[in-house]
Amino acid sequence: MTRIALARQKLSIEPTADWVADEMPEETLDELGLYLRSTEHGVYLNVRAEGVVHHPLTTDGLLALLCEQNWASAPFDEWTTSSGPISIVGGTFETEGMGGEVVLEIFLTDGRRVANLAGVGERTAILAVTPAARRLALTLRFE
């Protein structure tokens, strides 16, 4: 698959065959980031740069950021990984008023900047797509 550059977001990502990118006007990509859909589970992930983060740009700092997300619960499957200079954390949260859906949040840093991959869906679909989302996160590059 081809690497997709998000020039104004200063990111690029290389989705595998597990993911299909929504076609969007460039100005929308610049503002909202990229939407990728899981070909197997139909879950969308929004890939975008994060604004100012008031935590150290380390694994511990990203864990603190993850845990302060304003969802209905703490993450119930928190995880961390790293690849070279990239630290990645993720977790799934309960929601309120969303028909029992859950939210997958993934944060990445290279020690200078932060990116976010996030998606919402049925619990079984989110749990099933999480391994592919984790692999996808490993392809993200800060440009």
Protein backbone atom coordinates (compact mmCIF):
# COMPACT_ATOMS: atom_id res chain seq x y z
CA MET A 1 0.00 0.00 0.00
CA THR A 2 1.11 3.56 -0.57
CA ARG A 3 2.16 5.93 2.20
CA ILE A 4 -0.39 8.72 2.64
CA ALA A 5 1.01 12.13 3.52
CA LEU A 6 -0.97 14.61 5.60
CA ALA A 7 1.20 17.60 4.76
CA ARG A 8 -0.36 20.23 7.05
CA GLN A 9 -0.71 17.69 9.86
CA LYS A 10 3.00 16.87 9.29
CA LEU A 11 2.28 13.13 9.41
CA SER A 12 2.28 10.21 7.05
CA ILE A 13 0.89 6.73 7.46
CA GLU A 14 1.06 3.55 5.39
CA PRO A 15 -2.16 1.59 5.69
CA THR A 16 -2.09 -2.11 4.84
CA ALA A 17 -4.85 -3.89 2.94
CA ASP A 18 -6.75 -3.94 6.27
CA TRP A 19 -7.58 -0.23 5.80
CA VAL A 20 -9.19 1.92 3.11
CA ALA A 21 -8.76 5.71 3.13
CA ASP A 22 -11.81 7.93 2.71
CA GLU A 23 -11.44 10.27 -0.22
CA MET A 24 -11.57 13.77 1.16
CA PRO A 25 -10.73 17.24 -0.14
CA GLU A 26 -7.22 18.30 0.84
CA GLU A 27 -8.50 21.18 2.98
CA THR A 28 -10.58 18.68 5.01
CA LEU A 29 -7.54 16.42 5.44
CA ASP A 30 -5.56 19.44 6.62
CA GLU A 31 -8.18 20.34 9.21
CA LEU A 32 -9.60 17.01 10.40
CA GLY A 33 -6.97 14.45 9.46
CA LEU A 34 -7.43 11.20 7.57
CA TYR A 35 -10.28 8.72 8.03
CA LEU A 36 -9.38 5.08 7.46
CA ARG A 37 -11.99 2.30 7.45
CA SER A 38 -11.25 -1.27 8.51
CA THR A 39 -12.06 -3.49 5.52
CA GLU A 40 -12.95 -6.38 7.83
CA HIS A 41 -14.84 -4.66 10.66
CA GLY A 42 -16.08 -1.38 9.17
CA VAL A 43 -14.64 0.68 12.04
CA TYR A 44 -13.31 4.13 11.11
CA LEU A 45 -10.14 5.54 12.65
CA ASN A 46 -9.38 9.24 12.49
CA VAL A 47 -5.63 9.86 12.15
CA ARG A 48 -4.50 13.36 13.06
CA ALA A 49 -1.87 15.47 14.78
CA GLU A 50 -2.65 16.50 18.35
CA GLY A 51 -2.38 20.08 19.49
CA VAL A 52 -0.49 21.24 22.55
CA VAL A 53 -0.15 18.49 25.14
CA HIS A 54 0.54 19.41 28.76
CA HIS A 55 2.41 16.20 29.55
CA PRO A 56 5.97 15.05 28.92
CA LEU A 57 6.27 13.57 25.44
CA THR A 58 7.20 10.16 26.78
CA THR A 59 5.34 6.89 27.26
CA ASP A 60 4.41 7.93 30.81
CA GLY A 61 3.22 11.32 29.56
CA LEU A 62 1.09 9.69 26.88
CA LEU A 63 -0.39 7.31 29.47
CA ALA A 64 -1.39 10.34 31.55
CA LEU A 65 -2.93 11.92 28.43
CA LEU A 66 -4.79 8.71 27.63
CA CYS A 67 -6.19 8.42 31.14
CA GLU A 68 -7.50 11.99 31.17
CA GLN A 69 -9.67 11.53 28.09
CA ASN A 70 -13.21 12.54 28.93
CA TRP A 71 -14.99 9.24 28.31
CA ALA A 72 -17.30 7.36 30.69
CA SER A 73 -14.56 5.12 32.12
CA ALA A 74 -10.87 4.67 32.51
CA PRO A 75 -9.37 2.61 29.66
CA PHE A 76 -10.16 -1.05 30.25
CA ASP A 77 -7.39 -2.51 28.07
CA GLU A 78 -4.53 -0.02 28.33
CA TRP A 79 -1.32 -0.98 26.45
CA THR A 80 2.02 0.51 25.42
CA THR A 81 4.63 -0.25 22.79
CA SER A 82 7.52 1.48 21.08
CA SER A 83 9.28 1.38 17.74
CA GLY A 84 12.60 3.18 17.56
CA PRO A 85 12.01 6.75 18.75
CA ILE A 86 8.20 6.36 18.65
CA SER A 87 6.25 5.65 21.86
CA ILE A 88 2.67 4.44 21.48
CA VAL A 89 -0.10 4.01 24.07
CA GLY A 90 -3.67 2.94 23.60
CA GLY A 91 -6.81 1.88 25.35
CA THR A 92 -10.53 1.40 24.98
CA PHE A 93 -13.14 3.39 26.89
CA GLU A 94 -16.79 2.95 27.79
CA THR A 95 -19.11 5.71 26.54
CA GLU A 96 -22.41 7.19 27.65
CA GLY A 97 -25.36 7.85 25.36
CA MET A 98 -23.75 6.11 22.37
CA GLY A 99 -25.79 2.90 22.32
CA GLY A 100 -23.18 0.80 24.10
CA GLU A 101 -20.38 1.67 21.69
CA VAL A 102 -16.81 1.99 22.93
CA VAL A 103 -13.95 4.28 21.86
CA LEU A 104 -10.43 3.19 20.92
CA GLU A 105 -7.82 5.91 21.52
CA ILE A 106 -4.18 5.60 20.46
CA PHE A 107 -1.55 8.30 21.07
CA LEU A 108 1.96 8.40 19.59
CA THR A 109 4.95 10.64 20.16
CA ASP A 110 8.44 10.99 18.77
CA GLY A 111 9.43 13.13 21.78
CA ARG A 112 8.59 16.35 19.90
CA ARG A 113 5.03 15.95 18.60
CA VAL A 114 1.91 13.89 19.27
CA ALA A 115 -0.54 12.14 16.97
CA ASN A 116 -3.86 10.45 17.69
CA LEU A 117 -5.75 7.58 16.10
CA ALA A 118 -9.30 7.25 17.41
CA GLY A 119 -12.40 5.29 16.49
CA VAL A 120 -15.77 4.37 17.89
CA GLY A 121 -17.84 1.24 17.37
CA GLU A 122 -19.53 -1.82 18.77
CA ARG A 123 -17.43 -3.43 21.52
CA THR A 124 -16.82 -6.65 19.55
CA ALA A 125 -15.77 -4.73 16.42
CA ILE A 126 -13.40 -2.43 18.34
CA LEU A 127 -11.83 -5.36 20.18
CA ALA A 128 -11.43 -7.23 16.89
CA VAL A 129 -9.91 -4.25 15.05
CA THR A 130 -7.48 -3.26 17.84
CA PRO A 131 -4.61 -5.54 16.67
CA ALA A 132 -4.81 -4.07 13.14
CA ALA A 133 -5.01 -0.54 14.61
CA ARG A 134 -1.90 -1.22 16.67
CA ARG A 135 -0.05 -2.39 13.53
CA LEU A 136 -1.32 0.68 11.66
CA ALA A 137 -0.01 2.98 14.40
CA LEU A 138 3.46 1.52 13.90
CA THR A 139 3.47 2.86 10.31
CA LEU A 140 2.84 6.48 11.34
CA ARG A 141 5.73 8.87 10.75
CA PHE A 142 6.15 12.44 11.87
CA GLU A 143 7.30 14.50 8.87
